[in-house]
Amino acid sequence: MKFLITMHQDEDGMFIAECPSIPGCLSQGKTRKEAEKNIKDAIKECLEVRAEKGMPLTVSISEIEVRV
């Protein structure tokens, strides 16, 4: 399976990675590479837990552009 992840650097310099299609699935790392590795592990774990609980594996997401 392929998942879109978002990543940003927080005020402490840590890279935060999140998988929007799996609610609550996020991780972090000191580098982008570490955060990417960690989110892959988190995605696998989140999918396992959701499957065990009989929850939908993912939710639908959409991306829209908002002008401000």
N, C-alpha and C. Protein backbone atom coordinates (compact mmCIF):
# COMPACT_ATOMS: atom_id res chain seq x y z
N MET A 1 0.83 -1.18 0.00
CA MET A 1 0.00 0.00 0.00
C MET A 1 0.88 1.24 0.00
N LYS A 2 0.38 2.29 -0.61
CA LYS A 2 1.09 3.57 -0.62
C LYS A 2 0.27 4.58 0.16
N PHE A 3 0.95 5.41 0.92
CA PHE A 3 0.30 6.44 1.71
C PHE A 3 0.99 7.77 1.52
N LEU A 4 0.21 8.82 1.49
CA LEU A 4 0.73 10.18 1.47
C LEU A 4 1.04 10.56 2.91
N ILE A 5 2.21 11.11 3.14
CA ILE A 5 2.54 11.61 4.47
C ILE A 5 2.85 13.10 4.37
N THR A 6 2.63 13.79 5.48
CA THR A 6 3.04 15.19 5.56
C THR A 6 4.20 15.26 6.55
N MET A 7 5.07 16.22 6.32
CA MET A 7 6.22 16.35 7.22
C MET A 7 6.54 17.83 7.40
N HIS A 8 6.81 18.19 8.63
CA HIS A 8 7.26 19.55 8.92
C HIS A 8 8.27 19.51 10.07
N GLN A 9 9.02 20.57 10.17
CA GLN A 9 10.00 20.68 11.25
C GLN A 9 9.42 21.57 12.34
N ASP A 10 9.43 21.08 13.58
CA ASP A 10 8.86 21.86 14.68
C ASP A 10 9.86 22.86 15.23
N GLU A 11 9.43 23.60 16.24
CA GLU A 11 10.26 24.67 16.81
C GLU A 11 11.52 24.15 17.51
N ASP A 12 11.55 22.86 17.84
CA ASP A 12 12.74 22.26 18.46
C ASP A 12 13.66 21.60 17.45
N GLY A 13 13.30 21.67 16.17
CA GLY A 13 14.13 21.09 15.12
C GLY A 13 13.79 19.65 14.76
N MET A 14 12.82 19.06 15.44
CA MET A 14 12.42 17.69 15.14
C MET A 14 11.53 17.69 13.90
N PHE A 15 11.64 16.62 13.11
CA PHE A 15 10.79 16.46 11.94
C PHE A 15 9.59 15.62 12.34
N ILE A 16 8.40 16.15 12.11
CA ILE A 16 7.15 15.50 12.47
C ILE A 16 6.51 14.97 11.19
N ALA A 17 6.22 13.67 11.17
CA ALA A 17 5.59 13.04 10.01
C ALA A 17 4.22 12.52 10.42
N GLU A 18 3.24 12.72 9.53
CA GLU A 18 1.88 12.30 9.82
C GLU A 18 1.27 11.66 8.58
N CYS A 19 0.45 10.66 8.79
CA CYS A 19 -0.28 10.01 7.71
C CYS A 19 -1.74 10.41 7.85
N PRO A 20 -2.20 11.41 7.10
CA PRO A 20 -3.56 11.93 7.28
C PRO A 20 -4.67 10.90 7.05
N SER A 21 -4.43 9.89 6.23
CA SER A 21 -5.49 8.92 5.96
C SER A 21 -5.66 7.88 7.06
N ILE A 22 -4.77 7.92 8.07
CA ILE A 22 -4.90 7.05 9.25
C ILE A 22 -4.92 7.98 10.47
N PRO A 23 -6.11 8.28 10.99
CA PRO A 23 -6.21 9.23 12.11
C PRO A 23 -5.30 8.86 13.28
N GLY A 24 -4.55 9.85 13.76
CA GLY A 24 -3.68 9.64 14.91
C GLY A 24 -2.35 9.00 14.61
N CYS A 25 -2.09 8.71 13.33
CA CYS A 25 -0.83 8.04 12.97
C CYS A 25 0.23 9.09 12.67
N LEU A 26 1.14 9.27 13.61
CA LEU A 26 2.23 10.21 13.41
C LEU A 26 3.48 9.73 14.12
N SER A 27 4.60 10.29 13.72
CA SER A 27 5.88 9.95 14.33
C SER A 27 6.81 11.14 14.15
N GLN A 28 8.05 10.96 14.57
CA GLN A 28 9.02 12.04 14.46
C GLN A 28 10.42 11.49 14.31
N GLY A 29 11.36 12.36 14.05
CA GLY A 29 12.76 11.97 13.95
C GLY A 29 13.64 13.21 13.97
N LYS A 30 14.91 12.99 14.26
CA LYS A 30 15.86 14.11 14.28
C LYS A 30 16.19 14.59 12.88
N THR A 31 16.03 13.69 11.88
CA THR A 31 16.26 14.04 10.48
C THR A 31 15.04 13.63 9.66
N ARG A 32 14.94 14.14 8.44
CA ARG A 32 13.83 13.75 7.56
C ARG A 32 13.86 12.23 7.32
N LYS A 33 15.05 11.71 7.09
CA LYS A 33 15.19 10.28 6.83
C LYS A 33 14.72 9.45 8.03
N GLU A 34 15.09 9.86 9.22
CA GLU A 34 14.68 9.14 10.42
C GLU A 34 13.16 9.24 10.61
N ALA A 35 12.59 10.42 10.37
CA ALA A 35 11.14 10.58 10.50
C ALA A 35 10.41 9.72 9.48
N GLU A 36 10.95 9.62 8.28
CA GLU A 36 10.33 8.79 7.24
C GLU A 36 10.35 7.32 7.64
N LYS A 37 11.47 6.86 8.17
CA LYS A 37 11.57 5.48 8.62
C LYS A 37 10.59 5.23 9.76
N ASN A 38 10.52 6.17 10.70
CA ASN A 38 9.65 6.01 11.85
C ASN A 38 8.17 6.02 11.47
N ILE A 39 7.78 6.85 10.49
CA ILE A 39 6.37 6.88 10.10
C ILE A 39 5.99 5.59 9.38
N LYS A 40 6.93 5.01 8.64
CA LYS A 40 6.64 3.71 8.00
C LYS A 40 6.32 2.66 9.07
N ASP A 41 7.11 2.63 10.12
CA ASP A 41 6.85 1.69 11.22
C ASP A 41 5.52 2.00 11.90
N ALA A 42 5.24 3.28 12.10
CA ALA A 42 3.99 3.69 12.75
C ALA A 42 2.79 3.31 11.90
N ILE A 43 2.88 3.47 10.60
CA ILE A 43 1.78 3.10 9.70
C ILE A 43 1.48 1.61 9.83
N LYS A 44 2.52 0.79 9.80
CA LYS A 44 2.32 -0.66 9.94
C LYS A 44 1.62 -0.99 11.25
N GLU A 45 2.07 -0.38 12.34
CA GLU A 45 1.48 -0.64 13.65
C GLU A 45 0.04 -0.13 13.72
N CYS A 46 -0.21 1.05 13.19
CA CYS A 46 -1.57 1.60 13.21
C CYS A 46 -2.53 0.71 12.41
N LEU A 47 -2.08 0.22 11.26
CA LEU A 47 -2.93 -0.65 10.45
C LEU A 47 -3.25 -1.95 11.19
N GLU A 48 -2.25 -2.50 11.86
CA GLU A 48 -2.47 -3.73 12.63
C GLU A 48 -3.50 -3.51 13.73
N VAL A 49 -3.37 -2.43 14.47
CA VAL A 49 -4.29 -2.14 15.58
C VAL A 49 -5.70 -1.90 15.04
N ARG A 50 -5.81 -1.14 13.96
CA ARG A 50 -7.13 -0.86 13.40
C ARG A 50 -7.78 -2.15 12.90
N ALA A 51 -7.00 -3.04 12.30
CA ALA A 51 -7.53 -4.32 11.82
C ALA A 51 -8.00 -5.18 13.00
N GLU A 52 -7.21 -5.23 14.06
CA GLU A 52 -7.57 -6.02 15.25
C GLU A 52 -8.87 -5.52 15.88
N LYS A 53 -9.09 -4.21 15.84
CA LYS A 53 -10.27 -3.62 16.45
C LYS A 53 -11.47 -3.59 15.49
N GLY A 54 -11.27 -4.07 14.27
CA GLY A 54 -12.35 -4.07 13.29
C GLY A 54 -12.68 -2.70 12.74
N MET A 55 -11.74 -1.78 12.85
CA MET A 55 -11.95 -0.42 12.36
C MET A 55 -11.56 -0.34 10.89
N PRO A 56 -12.13 0.62 10.16
CA PRO A 56 -11.65 0.82 8.78
C PRO A 56 -10.16 1.14 8.82
N LEU A 57 -9.41 0.60 7.88
CA LEU A 57 -7.96 0.82 7.91
C LEU A 57 -7.60 2.28 7.65
N THR A 58 -8.35 2.92 6.78
CA THR A 58 -8.06 4.32 6.44
C THR A 58 -9.36 5.11 6.37
N VAL A 59 -9.24 6.41 6.30
CA VAL A 59 -10.37 7.30 6.07
C VAL A 59 -10.10 8.07 4.79
N SER A 60 -11.15 8.53 4.17
CA SER A 60 -11.01 9.33 2.95
C SER A 60 -10.51 10.72 3.30
N ILE A 61 -9.60 11.21 2.52
CA ILE A 61 -9.11 12.57 2.72
C ILE A 61 -9.21 13.30 1.38
N SER A 62 -9.25 14.59 1.44
CA SER A 62 -9.21 15.37 0.22
C SER A 62 -8.33 16.58 0.46
N GLU A 63 -7.76 17.04 -0.60
CA GLU A 63 -6.87 18.19 -0.52
C GLU A 63 -7.51 19.32 -1.29
N ILE A 64 -7.65 20.46 -0.66
CA ILE A 64 -8.20 21.61 -1.33
C ILE A 64 -7.25 22.79 -1.16
N GLU A 65 -7.35 23.70 -2.07
CA GLU A 65 -6.51 24.90 -2.00
C GLU A 65 -7.37 26.04 -1.49
N VAL A 66 -6.87 26.75 -0.49
CA VAL A 66 -7.61 27.87 0.09
C VAL A 66 -6.75 29.12 -0.06
N ARG A 67 -7.32 30.13 -0.63
CA ARG A 67 -6.60 31.40 -0.75
C ARG A 67 -6.88 32.27 0.47
N VAL A 68 -5.84 32.88 0.98
CA VAL A 68 -5.99 33.75 2.15
C VAL A 68 -5.42 35.11 1.82
